[in-house]
Amino acid sequence: MLTQALSEKSAHHLELEDKHGAHNYHPVPVVLERGKGVFVWDVDGKRYYDFLSGYSALNQGHCHPRIINALVEQAQKLTLTSRAFFNNKMGGVCQIHY
């Protein structure tokens, strides 16, 4: 639990998520707004090291230009598929990483 008072901006975002979001996690009461490399910033401009890295989903850092370019290129073709279907990328990714 944070010992300092939350800003009005942070409190607003936390209230919205508490009211409308799923309650499957107990996140730290910090409202992130942006990230770059190993850092993330909250809605009040405070900088943090991102040691959690999206539970290893973001261990390459935030907003790397090559990754952003690849994301945009793929999103212009096919943004997301349900796991109820196959797609032309998953098998190759699994082969490389497993």
Protein backbone atom coordinates (compact mmCIF):
# COMPACT_ATOMS: atom_id res chain seq x y z
CA MET A 1 0.00 0.00 0.00
CA LEU A 2 1.29 3.47 -0.81
CA THR A 3 1.84 5.76 2.13
CA GLN A 4 1.46 8.93 0.08
CA ALA A 5 -1.91 10.32 -1.00
CA LEU A 6 -2.98 9.60 -4.56
CA SER A 7 -3.26 12.50 -6.97
CA GLU A 8 -6.71 13.44 -8.24
CA LYS A 9 -5.76 12.08 -11.70
CA SER A 10 -4.64 8.72 -10.31
CA ALA A 11 -7.67 8.44 -8.02
CA HIS A 12 -9.99 9.11 -10.99
CA HIS A 13 -8.46 6.31 -13.09
CA LEU A 14 -8.43 3.87 -10.17
CA GLU A 15 -12.09 4.62 -9.42
CA LEU A 16 -13.11 4.04 -13.05
CA GLU A 17 -11.29 0.73 -13.18
CA ASP A 18 -12.67 -0.38 -9.82
CA LYS A 19 -16.22 0.43 -10.94
CA HIS A 20 -16.06 -0.97 -14.48
CA GLY A 21 -13.14 -3.40 -14.63
CA ALA A 22 -12.70 -7.08 -13.83
CA HIS A 23 -11.37 -7.75 -10.34
CA ASN A 24 -8.93 -10.53 -11.18
CA TYR A 25 -5.75 -8.76 -9.99
CA HIS A 26 -4.73 -6.56 -7.09
CA PRO A 27 -2.46 -4.07 -8.89
CA VAL A 28 -0.21 -1.50 -7.30
CA PRO A 29 -2.11 1.82 -7.10
CA VAL A 30 0.03 3.51 -9.75
CA VAL A 31 -1.65 4.66 -12.99
CA LEU A 32 0.81 4.32 -15.89
CA GLU A 33 0.45 6.51 -18.94
CA ARG A 34 3.51 5.84 -21.11
CA GLY A 35 6.73 3.89 -21.34
CA LYS A 36 10.07 4.03 -23.14
CA GLY A 37 12.88 1.54 -22.77
CA VAL A 38 13.16 0.41 -19.14
CA PHE A 39 11.07 3.29 -17.78
CA VAL A 40 7.35 3.97 -17.36
CA TRP A 41 5.67 7.22 -16.30
CA ASP A 42 2.47 7.69 -14.33
CA VAL A 43 -0.31 10.18 -15.09
CA ASP A 44 1.47 12.75 -12.91
CA GLY A 45 4.76 12.49 -14.77
CA LYS A 46 6.61 10.46 -12.11
CA ARG A 47 9.19 8.09 -13.65
CA TYR A 48 9.63 4.47 -12.52
CA TYR A 49 11.84 1.58 -13.57
CA ASP A 50 9.61 -1.14 -15.03
CA PHE A 51 10.92 -4.12 -13.10
CA LEU A 52 7.70 -6.12 -13.67
CA SER A 53 7.91 -6.00 -17.48
CA GLY A 54 4.30 -7.08 -17.95
CA TYR A 55 5.11 -10.39 -16.21
CA SER A 56 7.81 -10.98 -18.86
CA ALA A 57 5.58 -9.99 -21.78
CA LEU A 58 7.46 -6.70 -22.15
CA ASN A 59 10.99 -7.68 -21.20
CA GLN A 60 12.33 -6.01 -24.38
CA GLY A 61 11.37 -2.58 -22.98
CA HIS A 62 8.72 -0.14 -24.11
CA CYS A 63 8.27 1.43 -27.56
CA HIS A 64 11.33 -0.03 -29.27
CA PRO A 65 11.19 1.39 -32.84
CA ARG A 66 11.73 -1.97 -34.62
CA ILE A 67 9.01 -3.63 -32.57
CA ILE A 68 6.59 -0.73 -33.12
CA ASN A 69 7.23 -0.89 -36.89
CA ALA A 70 6.62 -4.66 -36.93
CA LEU A 71 3.45 -4.19 -34.85
CA VAL A 72 2.06 -1.54 -37.20
CA GLU A 73 2.94 -3.60 -40.29
CA GLN A 74 1.17 -6.68 -38.89
CA ALA A 75 -1.81 -4.70 -37.54
CA GLN A 76 -2.40 -3.35 -41.04
CA LYS A 77 -2.76 -6.95 -42.28
CA LEU A 78 -4.48 -8.74 -39.38
CA THR A 79 -4.72 -7.25 -35.91
CA LEU A 80 -5.79 -10.17 -33.76
CA THR A 81 -7.32 -13.60 -34.13
CA SER A 82 -9.21 -15.62 -31.58
CA ARG A 83 -7.56 -18.86 -30.48
CA ALA A 84 -10.67 -20.48 -31.97
CA PHE A 85 -8.84 -20.06 -35.31
CA PHE A 86 -5.33 -20.74 -36.54
CA ASN A 87 -3.23 -17.98 -38.07
CA ASN A 88 -0.11 -17.87 -40.21
CA LYS A 89 2.18 -16.56 -37.43
CA MET A 90 1.65 -18.67 -34.29
CA GLY A 91 3.35 -21.88 -35.43
CA GLY A 92 6.49 -20.09 -36.47
CA VAL A 93 6.63 -18.08 -33.25
CA CYS A 94 6.19 -21.26 -31.19
CA GLN A 95 8.92 -23.01 -33.19
CA ILE A 96 11.38 -20.17 -32.58
CA HIS A 97 10.66 -19.74 -28.87
CA TYR A 98 10.01 -23.28 -27.61
